[in-house]
Structure formats: structure tokens, C-alpha cells
Amino acid sequence: MHSAQRAATTATPSIRGTWGTRPLAGQTTVVFTVTGGDQDQIGNFTIDRDGTATFDKETSISGPEGADLRATVSRVMSSR
């Protein structure tokens, strides 16, 4: 009996973006879904008034090597 092993990889998303030229009115939370791996993962990050973005918790996704991973924003919440 053979057991085929497939190559796997784990990815951790990072933030790269431009939030505009003016300061935000308040803290903004962005919720996103990463697809294309073994199982969809939901994560979020927060952008403060100065435009600094930080992950609220680490999100990672596992899947086959060379997987086409995509993050899609599902919700944006702003506090003033």
C-alpha cells in the first residue's frame, strides 16, 4: 500500500496598502477571508488614526505548494 505525500506550505498574510492622505476619523477594523488553501481562514486587522495597521491575531493558511491564495475583504467597521 502506498501513501502519497503532497508538498504543503503554510502562509501568513501581511499588510501592504495605502489608506489615503488624510488621517482616519477613528479606528477601523477590516475583516477578510483567505481562500485557496485546504480550508478558508477568516482574519482581521485594525488601522489606527495614524494609518498604522496591526493584526489582531495571527492568521495562517495551509495548502498545496504553489496554491493561489486570495484575501477578500468581507467587512469594514469604523469607530469614531
Protein backbone atom coordinates (compact mmCIF):
# COMPACT_ATOMS: atom_id res chain seq x y z
CA MET A 1 0.00 0.00 0.00
CA HIS A 2 1.35 3.41 -0.98
CA SER A 3 0.74 6.66 0.80
CA ALA A 4 1.26 9.63 -1.47
CA GLN A 5 2.64 12.65 0.29
CA ARG A 6 1.94 16.01 -1.25
CA ALA A 7 4.05 19.09 -0.79
CA ALA A 8 2.41 21.54 1.58
CA THR A 9 3.02 25.12 2.56
CA THR A 10 1.77 27.47 5.24
CA ALA A 11 1.36 31.17 4.52
CA THR A 12 0.85 34.08 6.89
CA PRO A 13 -0.72 37.19 5.37
CA SER A 14 0.94 40.58 5.68
CA ILE A 15 -0.49 44.05 5.22
CA ARG A 16 0.58 46.29 2.36
CA GLY A 17 -1.68 49.14 1.45
CA THR A 18 -2.40 52.81 1.21
CA TRP A 19 -5.18 54.20 3.33
CA GLY A 20 -5.33 57.72 1.82
CA THR A 21 -3.66 61.02 2.53
CA ARG A 22 -5.80 62.15 5.47
CA PRO A 23 -5.87 60.63 8.96
CA LEU A 24 -8.73 58.25 9.63
CA ALA A 25 -11.62 59.55 11.72
CA GLY A 26 -11.18 56.69 14.18
CA GLN A 27 -10.01 53.12 14.49
CA THR A 28 -11.03 50.92 11.55
CA THR A 29 -11.23 47.12 11.64
CA VAL A 30 -11.02 45.14 8.40
CA VAL A 31 -12.31 41.54 8.32
CA PHE A 32 -11.06 39.34 5.48
CA THR A 33 -11.28 35.76 4.24
CA VAL A 34 -8.29 33.93 2.75
CA THR A 35 -9.24 31.23 0.23
CA GLY A 36 -7.33 28.79 -1.96
CA GLY A 37 -5.81 26.61 0.75
CA ASP A 38 -7.01 23.45 2.44
CA GLN A 39 -9.62 25.42 4.42
CA ASP A 40 -10.77 29.06 4.24
CA GLN A 41 -9.46 31.25 7.05
CA ILE A 42 -11.06 34.40 8.46
CA GLY A 43 -8.83 37.09 9.93
CA ASN A 44 -8.85 40.78 10.71
CA PHE A 45 -6.58 43.74 11.23
CA THR A 46 -7.02 47.19 12.72
CA ILE A 47 -5.92 50.53 11.29
CA ASP A 48 -5.44 53.34 13.83
CA ARG A 49 -5.94 57.09 13.27
CA ASP A 50 -2.34 57.47 12.06
CA GLY A 51 -2.74 54.74 9.44
CA THR A 52 -0.75 52.07 11.29
CA ALA A 53 -2.20 48.63 10.61
CA THR A 54 -1.80 45.71 13.01
CA PHE A 55 -3.18 42.18 13.01
CA ASP A 56 -5.42 41.46 15.98
CA LYS A 57 -4.27 37.83 15.88
CA GLU A 58 -2.03 35.81 13.59
CA THR A 59 -3.84 34.06 10.75
CA SER A 60 -2.24 31.35 8.66
CA ILE A 61 -3.49 29.05 5.93
CA SER A 62 -2.16 25.67 4.80
CA GLY A 63 -2.39 24.28 1.32
CA PRO A 64 -0.53 22.74 -1.57
CA GLU A 65 2.73 24.30 -2.66
CA GLY A 66 2.03 27.00 -5.26
CA ALA A 67 -1.59 27.44 -4.17
CA ASP A 68 -3.39 30.54 -5.49
CA LEU A 69 -4.22 32.22 -2.18
CA ARG A 70 -6.55 35.21 -2.22
CA ALA A 71 -7.67 37.53 0.56
CA THR A 72 -11.06 39.19 0.15
CA VAL A 73 -12.36 41.92 2.46
CA SER A 74 -15.76 40.93 3.82
CA ARG A 75 -16.41 43.76 6.32
CA VAL A 76 -15.02 47.16 7.30
CA MET A 77 -16.04 48.62 10.68
CA SER A 78 -15.15 52.13 11.75
CA SER A 79 -15.37 53.61 15.23
CA ARG A 80 -15.44 57.35 15.62
